[in-house]
Amino acid sequence: MLLIFTSLGSAAAIAFAIDEGESLEGYMFSLNREVDQLPRTTGRRSFLIAASAAAVGLYWYVQRSEPAPAAKASADLWKKVSIVEFSDSGQRKGVVSVATLIKTEDEWKKQLSPDSFEVTRQAGTERAYTNENPNEHAKGVFRCICCDTALFDSSTKFESGTGWPSFWAPIAKENILETTDNSFGIVRTAVSCRRCDAHLGHVFDDGPPPTGLRYCMNSVAMRFARAS
């Protein structure tokens, strides 16, 4: 007996069995009259082998054609990152390993305001001077609006005159991710939350001492947690 198996998906299997010592009638279900007209030995055997080969080819074509973003999203779902936890007063608690936060677009829309969604999930930019109090320097921590990761300590906030909250350093380098942004025909460094990939703003090299950097953030991408 000859067995030919082909896997379709993760668990499904199709088996074609041909017993040379028995009638083919028990193993063959014809879909059209042309198949019924094939010779009962070589013809039908060739048909079954060809059908099996076609199924195998189709399976590998589908597997190789799987969209890359879907595979990446599946991998990111189980990815872990190390971030530093802080109290609202800015006290460092320690490094923790947490799973990346992945949500669907609809889930983010339910959680966030339209402006926060546009900025954090669509890499938008709010209008200058739209935050409630751009020059507030109360003691506390600015946290990610999407996942509550600590991003900036208010002690590093300064008045840049740009209309966006500006900081000369993040609260911890581990909590942010910096990537190259080539949009609008210029090269900039985009800043996002390391845990949930929320777009926060950009960093420039025209800030004050001691770093000389200006982390220009969108106010709707963060929430201010006042120290108790």
N, C-alpha and C. Protein backbone atom coordinates (compact mmCIF):
# COMPACT_ATOMS: atom_id res chain seq x y z
N MET A 1 0.85 -1.19 0.00
CA MET A 1 0.00 0.00 0.00
C MET A 1 0.88 1.24 0.00
N LEU A 2 0.54 2.25 -0.82
CA LEU A 2 1.29 3.51 -0.92
C LEU A 2 0.50 4.59 -0.22
N LEU A 3 1.12 5.31 0.74
CA LEU A 3 0.46 6.38 1.46
C LEU A 3 1.14 7.69 1.13
N ILE A 4 0.35 8.71 0.80
CA ILE A 4 0.87 10.04 0.51
C ILE A 4 0.17 11.01 1.44
N PHE A 5 0.95 11.76 2.31
CA PHE A 5 0.37 12.70 3.27
C PHE A 5 0.80 14.10 2.93
N THR A 6 -0.10 15.04 3.13
CA THR A 6 0.27 16.44 3.00
C THR A 6 -0.41 17.22 4.10
N SER A 7 0.37 18.07 4.80
CA SER A 7 -0.18 18.85 5.92
C SER A 7 -0.73 20.15 5.41
N LEU A 8 -1.96 20.45 5.77
CA LEU A 8 -2.59 21.72 5.44
C LEU A 8 -2.94 22.39 6.75
N GLY A 9 -2.26 23.53 7.08
CA GLY A 9 -2.45 24.19 8.35
C GLY A 9 -1.59 23.51 9.39
N SER A 10 -2.01 23.59 10.63
CA SER A 10 -1.20 23.08 11.73
C SER A 10 -1.51 21.63 12.05
N ALA A 11 -2.76 21.15 11.79
CA ALA A 11 -3.09 19.81 12.23
C ALA A 11 -3.79 18.96 11.18
N ALA A 12 -4.42 19.60 10.17
CA ALA A 12 -5.22 18.85 9.21
C ALA A 12 -4.33 18.02 8.31
N ALA A 13 -4.78 16.86 7.89
CA ALA A 13 -4.00 16.01 7.00
C ALA A 13 -4.93 15.33 6.01
N ILE A 14 -4.40 15.13 4.80
CA ILE A 14 -5.15 14.43 3.75
C ILE A 14 -4.35 13.20 3.37
N ALA A 15 -4.95 12.02 3.36
CA ALA A 15 -4.23 10.79 3.02
C ALA A 15 -4.93 10.12 1.85
N PHE A 16 -4.14 9.76 0.83
CA PHE A 16 -4.64 9.02 -0.31
C PHE A 16 -4.07 7.60 -0.22
N ALA A 17 -4.92 6.62 -0.25
CA ALA A 17 -4.45 5.24 -0.12
C ALA A 17 -4.79 4.46 -1.38
N ILE A 18 -3.80 3.75 -1.88
CA ILE A 18 -4.01 2.94 -3.08
C ILE A 18 -3.54 1.52 -2.76
N ASP A 19 -4.41 0.59 -2.80
CA ASP A 19 -4.06 -0.80 -2.53
C ASP A 19 -4.02 -1.54 -3.86
N GLU A 20 -2.82 -1.94 -4.25
CA GLU A 20 -2.65 -2.55 -5.58
C GLU A 20 -3.38 -3.89 -5.67
N GLY A 21 -3.66 -4.50 -4.55
CA GLY A 21 -4.32 -5.80 -4.59
C GLY A 21 -5.82 -5.71 -4.49
N GLU A 22 -6.38 -4.54 -4.34
CA GLU A 22 -7.82 -4.39 -4.20
C GLU A 22 -8.36 -3.46 -5.26
N SER A 23 -9.69 -3.38 -5.34
CA SER A 23 -10.32 -2.50 -6.31
C SER A 23 -10.14 -1.06 -5.90
N LEU A 24 -9.98 -0.17 -6.90
CA LEU A 24 -9.84 1.25 -6.61
C LEU A 24 -11.16 1.89 -6.23
N GLU A 25 -12.27 1.17 -6.42
CA GLU A 25 -13.58 1.75 -6.17
C GLU A 25 -13.73 2.16 -4.70
N GLY A 26 -13.06 1.43 -3.79
CA GLY A 26 -13.21 1.73 -2.38
C GLY A 26 -12.47 2.97 -1.94
N TYR A 27 -11.55 3.48 -2.77
CA TYR A 27 -10.71 4.61 -2.37
C TYR A 27 -10.93 5.87 -3.18
N MET A 28 -11.77 5.76 -4.21
CA MET A 28 -11.85 6.89 -5.14
C MET A 28 -13.27 7.43 -5.21
N PHE A 29 -13.40 8.75 -5.04
CA PHE A 29 -14.69 9.39 -5.23
C PHE A 29 -14.53 10.38 -6.37
N SER A 30 -15.17 10.12 -7.49
CA SER A 30 -15.00 10.97 -8.66
C SER A 30 -15.84 12.21 -8.57
N LEU A 31 -15.24 13.35 -8.96
CA LEU A 31 -15.96 14.62 -8.96
C LEU A 31 -16.58 14.93 -10.30
N ASN A 32 -16.17 14.25 -11.36
CA ASN A 32 -16.76 14.48 -12.68
C ASN A 32 -16.62 13.24 -13.53
N ARG A 33 -17.30 13.24 -14.65
CA ARG A 33 -17.31 12.07 -15.53
C ARG A 33 -15.96 11.81 -16.16
N GLU A 34 -15.18 12.83 -16.39
CA GLU A 34 -13.87 12.64 -17.02
C GLU A 34 -12.98 11.77 -16.15
N VAL A 35 -13.05 11.95 -14.85
CA VAL A 35 -12.28 11.11 -13.95
C VAL A 35 -12.76 9.67 -14.04
N ASP A 36 -14.07 9.48 -14.16
CA ASP A 36 -14.62 8.13 -14.27
C ASP A 36 -14.15 7.42 -15.54
N GLN A 37 -13.78 8.17 -16.55
CA GLN A 37 -13.35 7.58 -17.81
C GLN A 37 -11.89 7.17 -17.80
N LEU A 38 -11.14 7.49 -16.72
CA LEU A 38 -9.73 7.10 -16.66
C LEU A 38 -9.61 5.59 -16.54
N PRO A 39 -8.53 5.01 -17.08
CA PRO A 39 -8.32 3.57 -16.91
C PRO A 39 -8.29 3.23 -15.42
N ARG A 40 -8.74 2.05 -15.06
CA ARG A 40 -8.93 1.70 -13.66
C ARG A 40 -7.62 1.48 -12.92
N THR A 41 -6.49 1.38 -13.58
CA THR A 41 -5.23 1.14 -12.86
C THR A 41 -4.31 2.33 -13.00
N THR A 42 -3.58 2.41 -14.08
CA THR A 42 -2.58 3.46 -14.25
C THR A 42 -3.19 4.85 -14.26
N GLY A 43 -4.33 5.02 -14.95
CA GLY A 43 -4.93 6.33 -15.07
C GLY A 43 -5.34 6.91 -13.74
N ARG A 44 -6.05 6.14 -12.95
CA ARG A 44 -6.51 6.66 -11.66
C ARG A 44 -5.35 6.83 -10.68
N ARG A 45 -4.38 5.93 -10.76
CA ARG A 45 -3.21 6.07 -9.89
C ARG A 45 -2.47 7.36 -10.21
N SER A 46 -2.32 7.66 -11.49
CA SER A 46 -1.64 8.90 -11.89
C SER A 46 -2.42 10.12 -11.43
N PHE A 47 -3.74 10.03 -11.52
CA PHE A 47 -4.57 11.16 -11.09
C PHE A 47 -4.39 11.44 -9.61
N LEU A 48 -4.39 10.38 -8.79
CA LEU A 48 -4.25 10.56 -7.34
C LEU A 48 -2.89 11.15 -6.99
N ILE A 49 -1.83 10.65 -7.62
CA ILE A 49 -0.49 11.16 -7.35
C ILE A 49 -0.38 12.62 -7.76
N ALA A 50 -0.96 12.96 -8.92
CA ALA A 50 -0.92 14.35 -9.39
C ALA A 50 -1.69 15.27 -8.45
N ALA A 51 -2.85 14.79 -7.97
CA ALA A 51 -3.65 15.60 -7.04
C ALA A 51 -2.90 15.83 -5.74
N SER A 52 -2.19 14.79 -5.27
CA SER A 52 -1.41 14.93 -4.04
C SER A 52 -0.30 15.94 -4.22
N ALA A 53 0.40 15.86 -5.34
CA ALA A 53 1.49 16.79 -5.61
C ALA A 53 0.98 18.22 -5.69
N ALA A 54 -0.19 18.40 -6.30
CA ALA A 54 -0.78 19.73 -6.41
C ALA A 54 -1.13 20.28 -5.04
N ALA A 55 -1.65 19.41 -4.17
CA ALA A 55 -2.01 19.86 -2.82
C ALA A 55 -0.79 20.29 -2.04
N VAL A 56 0.30 19.52 -2.18
CA VAL A 56 1.56 19.87 -1.50
C VAL A 56 2.07 21.21 -2.01
N GLY A 57 2.03 21.39 -3.33
CA GLY A 57 2.49 22.65 -3.91
C GLY A 57 1.67 23.83 -3.44
N LEU A 58 0.35 23.64 -3.37
CA LEU A 58 -0.53 24.72 -2.90
C LEU A 58 -0.23 25.07 -1.45
N TYR A 59 0.00 24.04 -0.63
CA TYR A 59 0.30 24.28 0.79
C TYR A 59 1.56 25.13 0.95
N TRP A 60 2.63 24.77 0.25
CA TRP A 60 3.88 25.53 0.39
C TRP A 60 3.74 26.92 -0.19
N TYR A 61 2.93 27.09 -1.24
CA TYR A 61 2.72 28.43 -1.80
C TYR A 61 2.03 29.34 -0.79
N VAL A 62 0.98 28.78 -0.11
CA VAL A 62 0.25 29.57 0.88
C VAL A 62 1.16 29.94 2.04
N GLN A 63 1.99 28.95 2.48
CA GLN A 63 2.89 29.22 3.59
C GLN A 63 3.89 30.31 3.26
N ARG A 64 4.47 30.28 2.07
CA ARG A 64 5.48 31.27 1.67
C ARG A 64 4.86 32.61 1.38
N SER A 65 3.52 32.62 1.09
CA SER A 65 2.85 33.87 0.76
C SER A 65 2.23 34.54 1.98
N GLU A 66 2.43 33.97 3.18
CA GLU A 66 1.85 34.56 4.39
C GLU A 66 2.40 35.96 4.60
N PRO A 67 1.55 36.94 4.86
CA PRO A 67 2.01 38.32 5.03
C PRO A 67 3.01 38.45 6.16
N ALA A 68 4.12 39.13 5.91
CA ALA A 68 5.16 39.32 6.91
C ALA A 68 4.66 40.06 8.15
N PRO A 69 3.81 41.12 8.00
CA PRO A 69 3.34 41.82 9.19
C PRO A 69 2.61 40.91 10.16
N ALA A 70 1.84 39.95 9.65
CA ALA A 70 1.11 39.04 10.52
C ALA A 70 2.08 38.20 11.33
N ALA A 71 3.14 37.71 10.68
CA ALA A 71 4.14 36.92 11.38
C ALA A 71 4.85 37.76 12.43
N LYS A 72 5.14 39.02 12.10
CA LYS A 72 5.82 39.91 13.04
C LYS A 72 4.94 40.20 14.25
N ALA A 73 3.64 40.43 14.00
CA ALA A 73 2.73 40.71 15.10
C ALA A 73 2.65 39.53 16.05
N SER A 74 2.66 38.31 15.47
CA SER A 74 2.61 37.11 16.30
C SER A 74 3.86 36.99 17.16
N ALA A 75 5.02 37.34 16.58
CA ALA A 75 6.28 37.28 17.33
C ALA A 75 6.31 38.34 18.42
N ASP A 76 5.85 39.55 18.10
CA ASP A 76 5.85 40.65 19.07
C ASP A 76 4.94 40.36 20.25
N LEU A 77 3.90 39.53 20.01
CA LEU A 77 2.94 39.23 21.07
C LEU A 77 3.61 38.55 22.25
N TRP A 78 4.68 37.79 21.99
CA TRP A 78 5.37 37.06 23.04
C TRP A 78 6.70 37.70 23.41
N LYS A 79 7.00 38.85 22.85
CA LYS A 79 8.27 39.51 23.12
C LYS A 79 8.24 40.19 24.49
N LYS A 80 9.37 40.14 25.19
CA LYS A 80 9.48 40.81 26.48
C LYS A 80 10.55 41.88 26.41
N VAL A 81 10.34 42.95 27.17
CA VAL A 81 11.29 44.05 27.22
C VAL A 81 11.57 44.39 28.68
N SER A 82 12.72 44.99 28.92
CA SER A 82 13.09 45.41 30.28
C SER A 82 12.89 46.91 30.41
N ILE A 83 12.12 47.31 31.39
CA ILE A 83 11.89 48.73 31.67
C ILE A 83 12.15 49.00 33.15
N VAL A 84 12.31 50.27 33.48
CA VAL A 84 12.54 50.65 34.86
C VAL A 84 11.25 51.21 35.44
N GLU A 85 10.86 50.72 36.59
CA GLU A 85 9.66 51.23 37.26
C GLU A 85 10.01 52.39 38.18
N PHE A 86 9.10 53.37 38.25
CA PHE A 86 9.27 54.54 39.11
C PHE A 86 7.97 54.84 39.85
N SER A 87 8.12 55.39 41.02
CA SER A 87 6.95 55.89 41.75
C SER A 87 6.57 57.24 41.15
N ASP A 88 5.41 57.76 41.51
CA ASP A 88 4.98 59.06 40.99
C ASP A 88 5.87 60.21 41.46
N SER A 89 6.64 59.97 42.50
CA SER A 89 7.56 61.01 42.98
C SER A 89 8.91 60.93 42.27
N GLY A 90 9.05 59.97 41.36
CA GLY A 90 10.29 59.83 40.60
C GLY A 90 11.30 58.90 41.21
N GLN A 91 10.92 58.18 42.26
CA GLN A 91 11.84 57.26 42.91
C GLN A 91 11.96 55.98 42.10
N ARG A 92 13.19 55.59 41.80
CA ARG A 92 13.45 54.39 41.02
C ARG A 92 13.16 53.14 41.85
N LYS A 93 12.37 52.23 41.29
CA LYS A 93 12.02 50.99 42.00
C LYS A 93 12.86 49.80 41.56
N GLY A 94 13.23 49.77 40.31
CA GLY A 94 14.02 48.66 39.81
C GLY A 94 13.62 48.26 38.39
N VAL A 95 14.42 47.39 37.79
CA VAL A 95 14.19 46.93 36.42
C VAL A 95 13.27 45.71 36.45
N VAL A 96 12.28 45.71 35.58
CA VAL A 96 11.35 44.58 35.47
C VAL A 96 11.27 44.14 34.02
N SER A 97 10.99 42.86 33.83
CA SER A 97 10.79 42.32 32.48
C SER A 97 9.29 42.16 32.25
N VAL A 98 8.79 42.84 31.22
CA VAL A 98 7.34 42.82 30.95
C VAL A 98 7.09 42.49 29.48
N ALA A 99 5.93 41.93 29.21
CA ALA A 99 5.55 41.61 27.84
C ALA A 99 5.17 42.89 27.10
N THR A 100 5.51 42.96 25.82
CA THR A 100 5.10 44.11 25.03
C THR A 100 3.57 44.15 24.98
N LEU A 101 3.03 45.35 24.94
CA LEU A 101 1.57 45.52 24.96
C LEU A 101 1.07 45.66 23.52
N ILE A 102 0.36 44.65 23.06
CA ILE A 102 -0.18 44.63 21.69
C ILE A 102 -1.70 44.65 21.74
N LYS A 103 -2.30 45.62 21.06
CA LYS A 103 -3.75 45.71 20.98
C LYS A 103 -4.18 45.99 19.54
N THR A 104 -5.43 45.68 19.24
CA THR A 104 -5.95 45.97 17.91
C THR A 104 -6.26 47.46 17.82
N GLU A 105 -6.45 47.93 16.61
CA GLU A 105 -6.78 49.34 16.40
C GLU A 105 -8.08 49.71 17.11
N ASP A 106 -9.06 48.82 17.05
CA ASP A 106 -10.34 49.11 17.71
C ASP A 106 -10.18 49.18 19.22
N GLU A 107 -9.33 48.33 19.78
CA GLU A 107 -9.10 48.36 21.23
C GLU A 107 -8.44 49.66 21.66
N TRP A 108 -7.46 50.13 20.86
CA TRP A 108 -6.81 51.41 21.18
C TRP A 108 -7.81 52.56 21.07
N LYS A 109 -8.67 52.51 20.08
CA LYS A 109 -9.66 53.58 19.91
C LYS A 109 -10.62 53.66 21.09
N LYS A 110 -10.96 52.51 21.66
CA LYS A 110 -11.84 52.50 22.82
C LYS A 110 -11.15 53.06 24.06
N GLN A 111 -9.85 52.84 24.16
CA GLN A 111 -9.10 53.27 25.34
C GLN A 111 -8.69 54.75 25.28
N LEU A 112 -8.36 55.24 24.09
CA LEU A 112 -7.77 56.57 23.95
C LEU A 112 -8.74 57.59 23.39
N SER A 113 -8.44 58.86 23.65
CA SER A 113 -9.19 59.94 23.00
C SER A 113 -8.78 59.98 21.53
N PRO A 114 -9.59 60.59 20.66
CA PRO A 114 -9.21 60.66 19.24
C PRO A 114 -7.84 61.30 19.02
N ASP A 115 -7.52 62.37 19.77
CA ASP A 115 -6.22 63.02 19.61
C ASP A 115 -5.08 62.11 20.07
N SER A 116 -5.26 61.44 21.19
CA SER A 116 -4.22 60.54 21.69
C SER A 116 -4.01 59.36 20.74
N PHE A 117 -5.10 58.86 20.18
CA PHE A 117 -4.99 57.76 19.22
C PHE A 117 -4.23 58.20 17.98
N GLU A 118 -4.56 59.39 17.46
CA GLU A 118 -3.91 59.90 16.25
C GLU A 118 -2.41 60.06 16.46
N VAL A 119 -2.01 60.55 17.63
CA VAL A 119 -0.59 60.78 17.89
C VAL A 119 0.15 59.48 18.19
N THR A 120 -0.35 58.72 19.16
CA THR A 120 0.39 57.54 19.61
C THR A 120 0.35 56.35 18.67
N ARG A 121 -0.79 56.13 18.02
CA ARG A 121 -0.92 54.93 17.17
C ARG A 121 -0.74 55.24 15.69
N GLN A 122 -0.87 56.52 15.30
CA GLN A 122 -0.74 56.90 13.89
C GLN A 122 0.45 57.85 13.65
N ALA A 123 1.28 58.05 14.68
CA ALA A 123 2.47 58.91 14.58
C ALA A 123 2.12 60.33 14.15
N GLY A 124 1.01 60.84 14.68
CA GLY A 124 0.61 62.21 14.38
C GLY A 124 1.31 63.21 15.28
N THR A 125 1.01 64.50 15.08
CA THR A 125 1.58 65.57 15.90
C THR A 125 0.47 66.54 16.27
N GLU A 126 0.36 66.82 17.56
CA GLU A 126 -0.66 67.76 18.02
C GLU A 126 -0.26 69.19 17.69
N ARG A 127 -1.22 70.10 17.71
CA ARG A 127 -0.92 71.52 17.52
C ARG A 127 -0.17 72.04 18.74
N ALA A 128 0.72 72.98 18.52
CA ALA A 128 1.47 73.56 19.63
C ALA A 128 0.54 74.25 20.61
N TYR A 129 0.92 74.23 21.88
CA TYR A 129 0.18 74.87 22.97
C TYR A 129 -1.23 74.31 23.15
N THR A 130 -1.42 73.02 22.86
CA THR A 130 -2.74 72.42 23.06
C THR A 130 -2.84 71.71 24.40
N ASN A 131 -1.71 71.48 25.09
CA ASN A 131 -1.81 70.80 26.38
C ASN A 131 -2.29 71.77 27.46
N GLU A 132 -2.83 71.20 28.52
CA GLU A 132 -3.52 71.97 29.54
C GLU A 132 -2.65 73.07 30.18
N ASN A 133 -1.43 72.70 30.54
CA ASN A 133 -0.54 73.66 31.19
C ASN A 133 0.89 73.38 30.75
N PRO A 134 1.31 73.92 29.61
CA PRO A 134 2.60 73.56 29.02
C PRO A 134 3.81 73.90 29.88
N ASN A 135 3.67 74.84 30.80
CA ASN A 135 4.83 75.27 31.59
C ASN A 135 4.79 74.80 33.05
N GLU A 136 3.89 73.86 33.34
CA GLU A 136 3.80 73.38 34.71
C GLU A 136 5.05 72.60 35.09
N HIS A 137 5.57 72.86 36.27
CA HIS A 137 6.77 72.17 36.74
C HIS A 137 6.53 71.53 38.11
N ALA A 138 5.31 71.12 38.36
CA ALA A 138 5.01 70.44 39.62
C ALA A 138 5.79 69.13 39.68
N LYS A 139 6.09 68.68 40.88
CA LYS A 139 6.86 67.45 41.03
C LYS A 139 5.99 66.25 40.67
N GLY A 140 6.52 65.39 39.82
CA GLY A 140 5.79 64.22 39.40
C GLY A 140 6.43 63.55 38.20
N VAL A 141 5.72 62.62 37.63
CA VAL A 141 6.24 61.82 36.52
C VAL A 141 5.25 61.84 35.36
N PHE A 142 5.78 61.99 34.16
CA PHE A 142 4.97 61.91 32.94
C PHE A 142 4.99 60.45 32.47
N ARG A 143 3.80 59.86 32.36
CA ARG A 143 3.66 58.45 32.00
C ARG A 143 3.00 58.28 30.63
N CYS A 144 3.28 57.15 30.00
CA CYS A 144 2.69 56.84 28.69
C CYS A 144 1.18 56.74 28.83
N ILE A 145 0.45 57.41 27.95
CA ILE A 145 -1.00 57.41 28.00
C ILE A 145 -1.58 56.04 27.65
N CYS A 146 -0.78 55.21 26.96
CA CYS A 146 -1.25 53.90 26.51
C CYS A 146 -1.00 52.79 27.53
N CYS A 147 0.18 52.79 28.16
CA CYS A 147 0.52 51.66 29.04
C CYS A 147 1.02 52.08 30.42
N ASP A 148 1.09 53.38 30.69
CA ASP A 148 1.46 53.92 32.00
C ASP A 148 2.95 53.77 32.34
N THR A 149 3.77 53.44 31.37
CA THR A 149 5.21 53.38 31.61
C THR A 149 5.74 54.77 31.93
N ALA A 150 6.62 54.87 32.93
CA ALA A 150 7.21 56.16 33.28
C ALA A 150 8.15 56.61 32.16
N LEU A 151 7.99 57.88 31.73
CA LEU A 151 8.77 58.38 30.60
C LEU A 151 9.70 59.53 30.96
N PHE A 152 9.17 60.54 31.67
CA PHE A 152 9.96 61.73 32.00
C PHE A 152 9.66 62.19 33.42
N ASP A 153 10.70 62.65 34.09
CA ASP A 153 10.54 63.26 35.41
C ASP A 153 10.36 64.75 35.20
N SER A 154 9.47 65.36 35.97
CA SER A 154 9.20 66.79 35.79
C SER A 154 10.43 67.66 36.08
N SER A 155 11.40 67.12 36.82
CA SER A 155 12.62 67.89 37.12
C SER A 155 13.48 68.13 35.88
N THR A 156 13.23 67.38 34.81
CA THR A 156 14.01 67.56 33.58
C THR A 156 13.24 68.39 32.54
N LYS A 157 12.07 68.88 32.91
CA LYS A 157 11.24 69.67 31.99
C LYS A 157 11.76 71.11 31.93
N PHE A 158 11.77 71.69 30.75
CA PHE A 158 12.20 73.09 30.60
C PHE A 158 11.33 73.80 29.58
N GLU A 159 11.34 75.11 29.61
CA GLU A 159 10.53 75.91 28.68
C GLU A 159 11.32 76.13 27.40
N SER A 160 10.92 75.44 26.36
CA SER A 160 11.64 75.50 25.09
C SER A 160 11.12 76.59 24.17
N GLY A 161 9.91 77.11 24.46
CA GLY A 161 9.32 78.12 23.59
C GLY A 161 8.71 77.54 22.34
N THR A 162 8.60 76.21 22.27
CA THR A 162 8.05 75.56 21.07
C THR A 162 6.56 75.30 21.18
N GLY A 163 6.04 75.28 22.41
CA GLY A 163 4.61 74.98 22.57
C GLY A 163 4.35 73.52 22.83
N TRP A 164 5.41 72.69 22.89
CA TRP A 164 5.27 71.28 23.23
C TRP A 164 6.07 71.00 24.50
N PRO A 165 5.62 70.09 25.34
CA PRO A 165 6.40 69.74 26.53
C PRO A 165 7.80 69.28 26.13
N SER A 166 8.80 69.86 26.75
CA SER A 166 10.19 69.54 26.39
C SER A 166 10.98 69.12 27.61
N PHE A 167 11.84 68.13 27.42
CA PHE A 167 12.65 67.58 28.50
C PHE A 167 14.09 67.41 28.01
N TRP A 168 15.06 67.55 28.94
CA TRP A 168 16.43 67.36 28.48
C TRP A 168 16.93 65.94 28.68
N ALA A 169 16.09 65.05 29.22
CA ALA A 169 16.46 63.63 29.35
C ALA A 169 15.24 62.81 29.69
N PRO A 170 15.18 61.55 29.27
CA PRO A 170 14.09 60.67 29.70
C PRO A 170 14.37 60.21 31.13
N ILE A 171 13.35 59.70 31.79
CA ILE A 171 13.53 59.24 33.17
C ILE A 171 14.44 58.02 33.21
N ALA A 172 14.43 57.21 32.14
CA ALA A 172 15.32 56.06 32.01
C ALA A 172 15.41 55.70 30.53
N LYS A 173 16.64 55.52 30.06
CA LYS A 173 16.82 55.18 28.64
C LYS A 173 16.13 53.87 28.28
N GLU A 174 16.01 52.97 29.27
CA GLU A 174 15.38 51.68 29.01
C GLU A 174 13.90 51.81 28.66
N ASN A 175 13.27 52.92 29.05
CA ASN A 175 11.82 53.04 28.88
C ASN A 175 11.38 53.63 27.55
N ILE A 176 12.34 54.10 26.77
CA ILE A 176 12.00 54.68 25.47
C ILE A 176 12.77 53.98 24.36
N LEU A 177 12.32 54.20 23.14
CA LEU A 177 12.98 53.65 21.97
C LEU A 177 13.16 54.77 20.96
N GLU A 178 14.37 54.93 20.44
CA GLU A 178 14.66 55.98 19.46
C GLU A 178 14.94 55.34 18.10
N THR A 179 14.24 55.82 17.07
CA THR A 179 14.39 55.28 15.72
C THR A 179 14.49 56.43 14.71
N THR A 180 15.03 56.13 13.55
CA THR A 180 15.17 57.14 12.50
C THR A 180 13.84 57.37 11.80
N ASP A 181 13.48 58.63 11.64
CA ASP A 181 12.23 59.02 10.98
C ASP A 181 12.59 59.85 9.74
N ASN A 182 12.26 59.31 8.56
CA ASN A 182 12.58 59.99 7.30
C ASN A 182 11.38 60.67 6.66
N SER A 183 10.29 60.84 7.41
CA SER A 183 9.09 61.44 6.84
C SER A 183 9.31 62.92 6.53
N PHE A 184 8.52 63.44 5.60
CA PHE A 184 8.55 64.85 5.19
C PHE A 184 9.90 65.26 4.57
N GLY A 185 10.66 64.27 4.14
CA GLY A 185 11.91 64.58 3.44
C GLY A 185 13.04 65.04 4.33
N ILE A 186 12.90 64.89 5.65
CA ILE A 186 13.97 65.26 6.57
C ILE A 186 14.26 64.09 7.50
N VAL A 187 15.49 64.05 8.00
CA VAL A 187 15.88 62.97 8.90
C VAL A 187 15.76 63.45 10.34
N ARG A 188 14.93 62.77 11.12
CA ARG A 188 14.76 63.09 12.53
C ARG A 188 14.84 61.81 13.36
N THR A 189 14.93 61.98 14.66
CA THR A 189 14.94 60.82 15.56
C THR A 189 13.62 60.77 16.31
N ALA A 190 12.82 59.77 15.99
CA ALA A 190 11.52 59.60 16.64
C ALA A 190 11.69 58.91 17.98
N VAL A 191 10.82 59.24 18.92
CA VAL A 191 10.85 58.65 20.25
C VAL A 191 9.53 57.94 20.51
N SER A 192 9.60 56.70 20.98
CA SER A 192 8.38 55.94 21.28
C SER A 192 8.54 55.21 22.60
N CYS A 193 7.44 54.76 23.15
CA CYS A 193 7.44 53.99 24.39
C CYS A 193 7.95 52.59 24.09
N ARG A 194 8.89 52.12 24.89
CA ARG A 194 9.47 50.80 24.60
C ARG A 194 8.49 49.67 24.79
N ARG A 195 7.56 49.81 25.74
CA ARG A 195 6.66 48.70 26.01
C ARG A 195 5.53 48.57 24.99
N CYS A 196 4.90 49.68 24.61
CA CYS A 196 3.71 49.58 23.74
C CYS A 196 3.90 50.22 22.37
N ASP A 197 5.10 50.76 22.10
CA ASP A 197 5.42 51.35 20.81
C ASP A 197 4.59 52.60 20.49
N ALA A 198 4.10 53.27 21.52
CA ALA A 198 3.34 54.50 21.30
C ALA A 198 4.28 55.60 20.83
N HIS A 199 3.90 56.28 19.77
CA HIS A 199 4.70 57.42 19.29
C HIS A 199 4.55 58.56 20.28
N LEU A 200 5.70 59.15 20.70
CA LEU A 200 5.68 60.21 21.70
C LEU A 200 6.07 61.56 21.12
N GLY A 201 7.02 61.58 20.20
CA GLY A 201 7.52 62.83 19.63
C GLY A 201 8.88 62.62 19.00
N HIS A 202 9.76 63.63 19.11
CA HIS A 202 11.10 63.55 18.52
C HIS A 202 12.12 64.16 19.48
N VAL A 203 13.38 63.79 19.28
CA VAL A 203 14.44 64.36 20.10
C VAL A 203 15.40 65.13 19.18
N PHE A 204 15.83 66.31 19.65
CA PHE A 204 16.72 67.18 18.88
C PHE A 204 17.94 67.54 19.73
N ASP A 205 18.98 68.01 19.07
CA ASP A 205 20.23 68.32 19.78
C ASP A 205 20.39 69.81 20.06
N ASP A 206 19.29 70.49 20.32
CA ASP A 206 19.36 71.93 20.62
C ASP A 206 18.81 72.22 22.02
N GLY A 207 18.99 71.28 22.92
CA GLY A 207 18.49 71.45 24.28
C GLY A 207 19.53 72.05 25.22
N PRO A 208 19.15 72.24 26.47
CA PRO A 208 20.04 72.86 27.46
C PRO A 208 21.00 71.83 28.09
N PRO A 209 21.98 72.30 28.88
CA PRO A 209 22.83 71.39 29.65
C PRO A 209 21.94 70.65 30.68
N PRO A 210 22.33 69.51 31.15
CA PRO A 210 23.64 68.91 30.92
C PRO A 210 23.73 68.01 29.68
N THR A 211 22.62 67.72 29.02
CA THR A 211 22.65 66.78 27.89
C THR A 211 22.74 67.46 26.53
N GLY A 212 22.23 68.70 26.44
CA GLY A 212 22.18 69.37 25.15
C GLY A 212 21.08 68.83 24.25
N LEU A 213 20.17 68.04 24.82
CA LEU A 213 19.09 67.42 24.05
C LEU A 213 17.74 68.05 24.39
N ARG A 214 16.84 67.99 23.41
CA ARG A 214 15.46 68.47 23.62
C ARG A 214 14.51 67.37 23.19
N TYR A 215 13.93 66.70 24.15
CA TYR A 215 12.91 65.70 23.87
C TYR A 215 11.59 66.44 23.74
N CYS A 216 11.17 66.64 22.49
CA CYS A 216 9.97 67.41 22.18
C CYS A 216 8.79 66.44 22.08
N MET A 217 7.95 66.42 23.12
CA MET A 217 6.90 65.41 23.22
C MET A 217 5.51 65.97 22.95
N ASN A 218 4.61 65.11 22.58
CA ASN A 218 3.20 65.47 22.43
C ASN A 218 2.51 65.29 23.77
N SER A 219 1.81 66.32 24.22
CA SER A 219 1.17 66.24 25.53
C SER A 219 0.11 65.15 25.60
N VAL A 220 -0.60 64.90 24.48
CA VAL A 220 -1.67 63.90 24.50
C VAL A 220 -1.13 62.48 24.49
N ALA A 221 0.19 62.32 24.35
CA ALA A 221 0.79 61.00 24.39
C ALA A 221 1.15 60.58 25.82
N MET A 222 0.98 61.54 26.77
CA MET A 222 1.37 61.27 28.16
C MET A 222 0.28 61.73 29.12
N ARG A 223 0.37 61.22 30.33
CA ARG A 223 -0.45 61.74 31.43
C ARG A 223 0.51 62.12 32.55
N PHE A 224 0.18 63.19 33.28
CA PHE A 224 1.04 63.63 34.36
C PHE A 224 0.55 63.04 35.69
N ALA A 225 1.45 62.29 36.36
CA ALA A 225 1.14 61.70 37.65
C ALA A 225 1.83 62.55 38.72
N ARG A 226 1.08 63.36 39.42
CA ARG A 226 1.63 64.26 40.42
C ARG A 226 2.11 63.47 41.65
N ALA A 227 3.26 63.85 42.15
CA ALA A 227 3.80 63.20 43.34
C ALA A 227 2.87 63.44 44.52
N SER A 228 2.62 62.44 45.32
CA SER A 228 1.73 62.58 46.46
C SER A 228 2.48 63.09 47.69
